[in-house]
Protein backbone atom coordinates (compact mmCIF):
# COMPACT_ATOMS: atom_id res chain seq x y z
CA MET A 1 137.68 107.31 127.72
CA ASN A 2 138.25 109.92 125.06
CA VAL A 3 135.57 110.73 122.47
CA LEU A 4 138.06 111.82 119.81
CA GLU A 5 140.11 108.63 120.15
CA ILE A 6 136.99 106.47 119.78
CA ILE A 7 135.98 108.38 116.63
CA LYS A 8 139.50 107.94 115.20
CA ARG A 9 139.52 104.20 116.01
CA LYS A 10 136.29 103.63 114.11
CA ARG A 11 137.41 105.97 111.31
CA ASP A 12 140.51 103.78 110.87
CA GLY A 13 138.42 100.60 110.68
CA LYS A 14 139.20 99.31 114.18
CA LYS A 15 136.70 97.29 116.24
CA LEU A 16 135.24 99.05 119.26
CA SER A 17 134.73 97.46 122.67
CA GLN A 18 131.39 97.22 124.42
CA SER A 19 132.49 99.79 127.00
CA GLU A 20 133.52 102.27 124.26
CA ILE A 21 130.15 101.95 122.54
CA GLU A 22 128.25 102.28 125.83
CA PHE A 23 130.33 105.37 126.65
CA MET A 24 129.42 107.02 123.34
CA ILE A 25 125.67 106.24 123.52
CA ASP A 26 125.24 107.12 127.19
CA ASN A 27 127.13 110.41 126.99
CA PHE A 28 125.42 111.55 123.79
CA THR A 29 121.98 110.75 125.24
CA HIS A 30 122.83 112.79 128.34
CA LYS A 31 124.09 115.76 126.23
CA LYS A 32 127.72 115.27 127.29
CA ILE A 33 128.90 114.73 123.70
CA PRO A 34 128.10 117.50 121.19
CA SER A 35 126.13 116.65 118.07
CA TYR A 36 129.05 117.44 115.75
CA GLN A 37 131.25 114.82 117.41
CA PHE A 38 128.52 112.17 117.51
CA SER A 39 127.80 112.92 113.84
CA ALA A 40 131.44 112.15 113.08
CA PHE A 41 131.10 108.89 115.01
CA LEU A 42 127.97 107.94 113.05
CA MET A 43 129.67 108.67 109.72
CA ALA A 44 132.72 106.61 110.73
CA ALA A 45 130.40 103.72 111.68
CA PHE A 46 128.48 104.17 108.42
CA LEU A 47 131.61 104.07 106.24
CA ARG A 48 133.62 101.46 108.17
CA GLY A 49 130.70 99.33 109.33
CA LEU A 50 129.90 97.61 112.61
CA ASP A 51 130.34 93.86 113.02
CA LYS A 52 127.79 91.54 114.67
CA ARG A 53 129.16 92.09 118.16
CA GLU A 54 129.33 95.88 117.78
CA THR A 55 125.77 95.91 116.40
CA ALA A 56 124.54 93.91 119.41
CA TRP A 57 126.40 96.22 121.80
CA ILE A 58 125.01 99.42 120.28
CA THR A 59 121.53 97.85 120.38
CA ASN A 60 122.05 96.99 124.05
CA ALA A 61 123.24 100.50 124.90
CA MET A 62 120.23 102.07 123.16
CA LEU A 63 117.87 99.54 124.75
CA TYR A 64 119.03 100.33 128.29
CA SER A 65 119.03 104.09 127.73
CA GLY A 66 115.42 103.87 128.94
CA GLU A 67 112.93 101.51 130.53
CA VAL A 68 112.70 97.86 129.49
CA VAL A 69 109.14 96.64 130.00
CA ASP A 70 108.77 93.46 132.05
CA LEU A 71 105.67 91.48 131.10
CA SER A 72 106.70 88.26 132.87
CA GLU A 73 103.82 88.49 135.36
CA ILE A 74 101.35 88.20 132.46
CA PRO A 75 100.91 84.51 131.53
CA GLY A 76 101.43 83.33 127.95
CA ARG A 77 104.06 83.97 125.30
CA LYS A 78 104.46 87.46 123.88
CA VAL A 79 105.17 87.81 120.17
CA ASP A 80 105.44 90.89 117.95
CA LYS A 81 105.98 91.67 114.27
CA HIS A 82 108.07 94.37 112.65
CA SER A 83 107.83 95.50 109.03
CA THR A 84 110.39 97.72 107.33
CA GLY A 85 107.48 99.55 105.67
CA GLY A 86 105.87 99.69 102.29
CA VAL A 87 102.99 100.98 100.20
CA GLY A 88 99.62 99.73 101.45
CA ASP A 89 101.23 97.64 104.20
CA LYS A 90 98.43 97.30 106.73
CA THR A 91 99.20 93.76 107.96
CA SER A 92 99.61 94.87 111.60
CA LEU A 93 95.94 95.86 111.74
CA ILE A 94 94.98 92.36 110.59
CA LEU A 95 97.47 90.06 112.26
CA ALA A 96 97.42 91.67 115.73
CA PRO A 97 93.77 90.75 116.46
CA VAL A 98 94.11 87.39 114.66
CA VAL A 99 97.12 86.32 116.72
CA THR A 100 95.61 87.60 119.98
CA ALA A 101 92.39 85.70 119.26
CA ALA A 102 94.57 82.57 118.99
CA GLY A 103 95.70 83.08 122.59
CA VAL A 104 99.09 84.72 121.98
CA LYS A 105 99.91 88.03 123.68
CA VAL A 106 100.86 90.80 121.23
CA PRO A 107 102.69 93.82 122.73
CA MET A 108 102.93 96.12 119.69
CA ILE A 109 104.69 99.48 119.76
CA SER A 110 104.46 101.00 116.28
CA GLY A 111 105.65 104.06 114.37
CA ARG A 112 104.35 106.79 112.12
CA GLY A 113 104.60 107.16 108.35
CA LEU A 114 108.09 107.69 106.97
CA GLY A 115 108.51 109.16 103.51
CA HIS A 116 106.35 107.36 100.95
CA THR A 117 105.37 104.59 103.39
CA GLY A 118 102.41 104.71 105.76
CA GLY A 119 102.63 104.28 109.53
CA THR A 120 100.51 102.00 111.72
CA LEU A 121 99.88 104.79 114.26
CA ASP A 122 98.54 107.16 111.59
CA LYS A 123 96.19 104.42 110.35
CA LEU A 124 94.90 103.63 113.83
CA GLU A 125 94.42 107.32 114.63
CA SER A 126 92.21 107.71 111.54
CA ILE A 127 89.63 105.74 113.55
CA PRO A 128 87.68 108.38 115.53
CA GLY A 129 88.77 108.37 119.19
CA PHE A 130 91.49 105.72 118.89
CA ARG A 131 94.29 106.62 121.33
CA THR A 132 97.83 105.41 120.62
CA GLN A 133 99.71 107.69 123.03
CA ILE A 134 99.31 105.61 126.18
CA SER A 135 101.42 105.26 129.34
CA LEU A 136 103.42 102.09 129.98
CA LYS A 137 101.17 101.37 132.97
CA LYS A 138 98.11 101.42 130.71
CA TYR A 139 100.06 99.43 128.08
CA ARG A 140 100.66 96.61 130.58
CA ALA A 141 97.01 96.73 131.70
CA LEU A 142 95.77 96.41 128.10
CA ILE A 143 97.96 93.37 127.44
CA LYS A 144 96.93 91.77 130.72
CA LYS A 145 93.19 92.25 130.09
CA HIS A 146 92.91 92.04 126.29
CA GLY A 147 96.12 90.27 125.25
CA LEU A 148 96.99 93.15 122.95
CA ALA A 149 98.08 96.79 122.91
CA LEU A 150 98.59 99.01 119.86
CA ILE A 151 100.54 102.07 120.97
CA GLY A 152 103.27 104.52 119.94
CA GLN A 153 106.74 104.81 121.39
CA THR A 154 106.73 106.48 124.80
CA LYS A 155 109.45 108.78 126.11
CA GLU A 156 110.64 105.98 128.42
CA ILE A 157 111.30 103.51 125.57
CA ALA A 158 114.81 103.68 124.06
CA PRO A 159 115.22 107.48 124.28
CA ALA A 160 118.70 107.15 122.75
CA ASP A 161 117.11 105.89 119.54
CA LYS A 162 115.03 109.04 119.15
CA GLU A 163 118.07 111.28 119.61
CA ILE A 164 120.31 109.22 117.33
CA TYR A 165 117.72 108.77 114.58
CA ALA A 166 117.12 112.53 114.40
CA LEU A 167 120.87 112.99 113.85
CA ARG A 168 121.12 110.15 111.30
CA ASP A 169 118.29 111.73 109.35
CA VAL A 170 120.33 114.92 108.73
CA THR A 171 123.82 113.43 108.39
CA GLY A 172 123.31 110.95 105.55
CA THR A 173 123.69 107.88 107.76
CA VAL A 174 120.14 106.46 107.68
CA GLU A 175 120.98 103.59 105.30
CA SER A 176 123.50 101.85 107.60
CA ILE A 177 122.21 98.30 108.17
CA PRO A 178 123.82 97.95 111.65
CA LEU A 179 122.33 101.29 112.72
CA ILE A 180 118.93 100.37 111.25
CA THR A 181 119.12 97.08 113.15
CA ALA A 182 119.98 98.80 116.43
CA SER A 183 117.16 101.32 115.97
CA ILE A 184 114.55 98.61 115.30
CA MET A 185 115.72 96.13 117.91
CA SER A 186 116.28 98.58 120.77
CA LYS A 187 112.59 99.52 120.61
CA LYS A 188 111.32 95.99 119.98
CA LEU A 189 113.35 94.46 122.82
CA ALA A 190 112.14 97.20 125.19
CA GLU A 191 108.44 96.45 124.67
CA GLY A 192 108.48 93.08 126.47
CA ALA A 193 108.07 90.62 123.57
CA GLU A 194 109.83 87.24 123.68
CA SER A 195 109.78 86.38 119.97
CA PHE A 196 109.63 88.35 116.74
CA VAL A 197 108.58 88.01 113.12
CA PHE A 198 110.35 90.39 110.75
CA ASP A 199 108.84 91.39 107.41
CA VAL A 200 111.69 92.92 105.38
CA LYS A 201 110.43 94.50 102.17
CA THR A 202 112.33 94.65 98.90
CA GLY A 203 111.51 96.31 95.58
CA SER A 204 110.60 99.70 94.15
CA GLY A 205 108.30 100.61 97.05
CA ALA A 206 110.71 99.52 99.81
CA PHE A 207 113.62 101.22 101.53
CA MET A 208 115.72 98.14 100.68
CA LYS A 209 115.28 98.13 96.91
CA LYS A 210 117.88 95.40 96.29
CA LEU A 211 117.18 91.82 97.37
CA ASN A 212 120.71 91.33 98.74
CA ASP A 213 120.39 94.41 100.95
CA ALA A 214 117.06 93.11 102.29
CA LYS A 215 118.65 89.73 103.04
CA THR A 216 121.54 91.43 104.84
CA LEU A 217 119.14 93.44 107.01
CA ALA A 218 116.96 90.40 107.75
CA THR A 219 120.04 88.38 108.74
CA SER A 220 121.22 91.23 110.97
CA LEU A 221 117.84 91.47 112.75
CA VAL A 222 117.69 87.71 113.34
CA SER A 223 121.31 87.70 114.54
CA VAL A 224 120.70 90.44 117.13
CA ALA A 225 117.49 88.75 118.31
CA LYS A 226 119.53 85.59 118.85
CA LYS A 227 122.16 87.52 120.83
CA PHE A 228 119.36 88.57 123.19
CA LYS A 229 118.05 84.98 123.35
CA LYS A 230 114.88 85.85 121.44
CA LYS A 231 113.48 83.46 118.84
CA SER A 232 112.72 85.06 115.49
CA VAL A 233 111.86 84.45 111.85
CA ALA A 234 112.38 86.91 109.00
CA TYR A 235 110.66 86.92 105.63
CA ILE A 236 111.86 88.88 102.61
CA THR A 237 108.66 90.02 100.86
CA ASP A 238 107.92 91.82 97.61
CA MET A 239 107.15 95.53 97.48
CA ASN A 240 107.15 96.08 93.70
CA GLU A 241 103.37 96.65 93.86
CA PRO A 242 101.06 97.82 96.65
CA LEU A 243 99.98 95.38 99.33
CA GLY A 244 96.25 95.09 98.78
CA ASN A 245 94.52 97.85 96.82
CA TYR A 246 93.87 100.65 99.33
CA ILE A 247 96.57 103.22 100.16
CA GLY A 248 95.87 105.93 102.72
CA ASN A 249 95.08 105.82 106.42
CA TRP A 250 91.31 105.29 106.69
CA LEU A 251 91.29 103.50 103.33
CA GLU A 252 93.74 100.95 104.75
CA VAL A 253 91.69 100.52 107.92
CA TYR A 254 88.68 99.85 105.69
CA GLU A 255 90.52 97.21 103.66
CA SER A 256 91.78 95.59 106.87
CA LEU A 257 88.19 95.36 108.11
CA LYS A 258 87.23 93.60 104.87
CA VAL A 259 89.99 91.02 105.35
CA LEU A 260 89.09 90.52 109.03
CA GLN A 261 85.51 89.86 107.93
CA GLY A 262 86.58 87.13 105.53
CA GLU A 263 87.09 88.87 102.18
CA TYR A 264 90.11 87.65 100.20
CA VAL A 265 92.41 90.44 98.99
CA TYR A 266 95.22 89.47 96.61
CA ASN A 267 98.68 89.44 98.26
CA LEU A 268 97.41 91.16 101.45
CA SER A 269 95.46 88.12 102.69
CA GLU A 270 98.32 85.75 101.84
CA LEU A 271 100.97 87.78 103.67
CA SER A 272 98.74 88.50 106.67
CA GLU A 273 98.00 84.77 107.05
CA LEU A 274 101.70 83.83 106.78
CA LEU A 275 102.81 86.40 109.36
CA SER A 276 99.89 85.50 111.66
CA GLY A 277 100.60 81.78 111.34
CA THR A 278 104.27 82.29 112.16
CA MET A 279 103.42 84.36 115.23
CA ILE A 280 100.89 81.76 116.41
CA TRP A 281 103.58 79.08 116.03
CA LEU A 282 106.18 81.18 117.90
CA GLY A 283 103.55 81.80 120.56
CA GLY A 284 103.21 78.06 121.18
CA LYS A 285 99.64 77.76 119.91
CA ALA A 286 100.53 75.70 116.81
CA LYS A 287 102.99 72.90 116.08
CA SER A 288 104.03 74.42 112.76
CA VAL A 289 103.65 77.59 110.70
CA ASP A 290 101.20 75.78 108.41
CA GLU A 291 99.03 74.85 111.38
CA GLY A 292 99.27 78.45 112.55
CA ILE A 293 98.04 79.65 109.14
CA ALA A 294 95.08 77.26 109.35
CA ILE A 295 94.23 78.60 112.82
CA ALA A 296 94.46 82.19 111.52
CA LYS A 297 92.07 81.41 108.66
CA ASP A 298 89.59 79.79 111.07
CA LEU A 299 89.68 82.79 113.42
CA ILE A 300 88.87 85.12 110.53
CA LYS A 301 86.12 82.84 109.23
CA SER A 302 84.49 82.52 112.67
CA GLY A 303 84.50 86.30 113.25
CA LYS A 304 86.64 86.01 116.41
CA ALA A 305 89.50 88.04 114.92
CA PHE A 306 87.17 90.89 113.93
CA ASP A 307 85.59 90.84 117.40
CA LYS A 308 89.06 91.10 118.96
CA PHE A 309 89.82 94.16 116.84
CA LEU A 310 86.59 95.79 117.99
CA GLU A 311 87.49 94.90 121.59
CA ILE A 312 90.95 96.48 121.57
CA ALA A 313 89.77 99.52 119.56
CA GLU A 314 87.06 100.21 122.15
CA ALA A 315 89.53 99.67 124.99
CA GLN A 316 91.78 102.33 123.43
CA GLY A 317 88.97 104.85 123.11
CA ALA A 318 87.73 104.30 119.55
CA ASP A 319 84.17 104.85 118.39
CA VAL A 320 83.65 101.31 117.07
CA SER A 321 80.46 102.26 115.25
CA TYR A 322 82.73 103.37 112.38
CA LEU A 323 84.31 99.90 112.32
CA LYS A 324 80.95 98.15 112.36
CA ASN A 325 79.50 100.49 109.76
CA PRO A 326 82.35 102.06 107.71
CA SER A 327 79.89 103.76 105.32
CA LYS A 328 79.20 106.41 107.99
CA TYR A 329 82.82 107.61 107.80
CA PRO A 330 83.16 111.08 106.18
CA LYS A 331 83.96 111.11 102.47
CA SER A 332 86.64 113.11 100.70
CA LYS A 333 85.43 116.27 99.00
CA PHE A 334 86.96 115.25 95.69
CA GLY A 335 87.33 111.88 93.99
CA GLU A 336 88.56 111.10 90.51
CA LYS A 337 89.00 107.94 88.46
CA LEU A 338 92.14 107.38 86.40
CA VAL A 339 91.93 105.57 83.06
CA LEU A 340 95.11 104.82 81.09
CA ASN A 341 94.94 105.14 77.32
CA LYS A 342 96.78 101.81 77.01
CA SER A 343 95.97 98.16 76.39
CA GLY A 344 98.04 95.12 77.31
CA TYR A 345 99.57 93.56 80.40
CA VAL A 346 100.96 95.48 83.37
CA LYS A 347 104.71 94.88 83.09
CA SER A 348 105.97 96.87 86.07
CA ILE A 349 104.88 99.40 88.69
CA ASP A 350 107.12 102.03 90.24
CA ASN A 351 105.63 101.49 93.67
CA TYR A 352 107.52 104.44 95.16
CA GLU A 353 105.50 106.73 92.88
CA ILE A 354 102.23 105.13 93.99
CA GLY A 355 103.15 105.81 97.61
CA MET A 356 104.15 109.37 96.77
CA ALA A 357 100.87 109.92 94.92
CA ALA A 358 98.94 109.00 98.08
CA LEU A 359 101.21 111.25 100.13
CA GLU A 360 100.66 114.11 97.66
CA LEU A 361 96.89 113.72 98.04
CA GLY A 362 97.27 114.30 101.79
CA ALA A 363 97.74 110.76 103.16
CA GLY A 364 101.26 111.45 104.44
CA ARG A 365 103.66 114.20 105.48
CA MET A 366 106.00 116.13 103.21
CA LYS A 367 107.35 117.86 106.34
CA ALA A 368 107.29 116.74 109.98
CA GLU A 369 104.77 119.45 110.88
CA ASP A 370 102.33 118.57 108.09
CA LYS A 371 98.84 117.44 109.10
CA ILE A 372 97.61 114.16 107.63
CA GLU A 373 94.19 113.98 105.98
CA PRO A 374 92.92 110.55 107.12
CA LYS A 375 90.41 110.17 104.25
CA ALA A 376 92.93 110.92 101.49
CA GLY A 377 94.55 108.26 99.35
CA VAL A 378 94.37 105.94 96.38
CA ILE A 379 92.46 102.80 95.48
CA PHE A 380 94.91 101.10 93.10
CA ASN A 381 93.11 98.49 91.02
CA VAL A 382 95.88 96.69 89.10
CA LYS A 383 98.74 94.30 89.81
CA ILE A 384 101.73 93.23 87.77
CA GLY A 385 100.55 90.69 85.19
CA ASP A 386 96.99 92.04 85.01
CA LYS A 387 95.45 92.64 81.59
CA ILE A 388 94.08 96.15 81.07
CA THR A 389 92.20 97.90 78.27
CA LYS A 390 91.78 101.54 77.33
CA ASN A 391 88.61 101.56 79.45
CA SER A 392 90.20 100.06 82.59
CA VAL A 393 90.02 102.22 85.72
CA VAL A 394 93.52 101.68 87.12
CA ALA A 395 93.10 103.93 90.15
CA GLU A 396 90.71 106.14 92.11
CA LEU A 397 92.06 109.22 93.87
CA PHE A 398 90.60 110.91 96.96
CA THR A 399 91.47 114.25 98.57
CA ASP A 400 89.96 117.34 100.17
CA ASP A 401 92.25 119.57 98.07
CA LYS A 402 91.43 119.52 94.35
CA THR A 403 94.77 121.12 93.42
CA ARG A 404 96.57 117.94 94.54
CA ILE A 405 94.88 115.62 92.04
CA ASP A 406 96.75 116.43 88.82
CA GLY A 407 100.18 115.88 90.36
CA ALA A 408 99.11 112.58 91.89
CA LYS A 409 97.59 111.42 88.59
CA LYS A 410 100.83 112.15 86.73
CA ARG A 411 102.80 110.10 89.26
CA ILE A 412 100.50 107.09 88.85
CA GLU A 413 100.40 107.35 85.05
CA SER A 414 104.19 107.43 84.85
CA ALA A 415 104.51 104.53 87.34
CA ILE A 416 102.65 101.92 85.27
CA LYS A 417 104.46 100.24 82.35
CA VAL A 418 102.41 98.12 79.94
CA SER A 419 103.55 95.30 77.63
CA LYS A 420 101.78 93.60 74.72
CA ASP A 421 103.16 90.25 75.92
CA LYS A 422 101.85 88.32 78.92
CA VAL A 423 103.65 89.06 82.18
CA LYS A 424 104.12 86.73 85.16
CA LYS A 425 102.66 87.59 88.53
CA VAL A 426 105.11 88.73 91.19
CA LYS A 427 106.40 86.20 93.74
CA LEU A 428 105.34 87.58 97.14
CA ILE A 429 107.69 85.68 99.47
CA LYS A 430 111.29 85.96 98.28
CA ALA A 431 113.11 84.20 101.13
CA GLN A 432 112.93 83.11 104.77
CA ILE A 433 115.69 83.57 107.32
CA SER A 434 115.53 82.05 110.78
């Protein structure tokens, strides 16, 4: 095969064969195709698109560029969840122990924060001692003994994805839905799960800001899962306001602990229960999603879900005394309350700006080499439709660097629009695709 001819074929809008796609992925991963040629291939795919078969083939090639974990010797169904990321999205920390406590195995390989959105690994690593960089041998052992593992991508899992994503990031090809699908699914299929729940965010705080784009991505993910004979359900969920109230790594762990101990948190509890219930149903422990939701609620109420979180945290090296007694966690050096000089109803929130405010305080990375401050972040006290007065504390900001506060405050102030007229609450679940 000839690299140049394959690039030209895709440039001209032609469909590629499975062998052509495998040739491109394999040779680029093994450094036989230079970056400038593979960049041209990515741009051709971005502009001309990839159909369902091509998307499945590129996923397959990326999947088998590394090791595919076999968990068949471990009894029970294995189910995982993937979220496209959002502000305050800490559902993985809640649903993983809930679903495992229901008797479903949860092999979860997660990522780090990306842009204005937080990452599950960064949140877990804010817990003193919690280890997420674990070998695949240890990963299997954790699932076998505890029913759950919460780890980061290893070098054996879909190495092609790491190489290709780094190139997409600097060539303007990140937003391609087929390439996003292949990136997500190559890693998810490699981890050993049999079924998936996808949480595709839409709104100002999501990567897919338009509902139609979110539906297209959700449909693509479900389609590829089906090609690999994996059962899946996708939900399109709102990201026009933070999920829960706490944004920042330890802050989000803390809010997750509250939910796991039975406290109701607006929109976070509802979504966590829906995703948990769907996973419990896919895992064969409920006859319907509704029954799965009821089981999830019971496991939280009984304390079994919280106990499971303590169990897996300890197994992965965490000092669980911080989870049992969060008040002993170190406090940020500086904290400031934000009061808006406005009265009325919250009309809209630019959720991207809320995420960026938390990042600016130290909760995320501006550059890849930046160090995260686990205590930093925002407690955001309002939702769309809430009534506020000139005395309402809309947010509390936390950081170890006082110079960061003013910039973060300005972002939050500009993000909140207020109306004199009543405003409807946001609909959390926009659509379901299965």
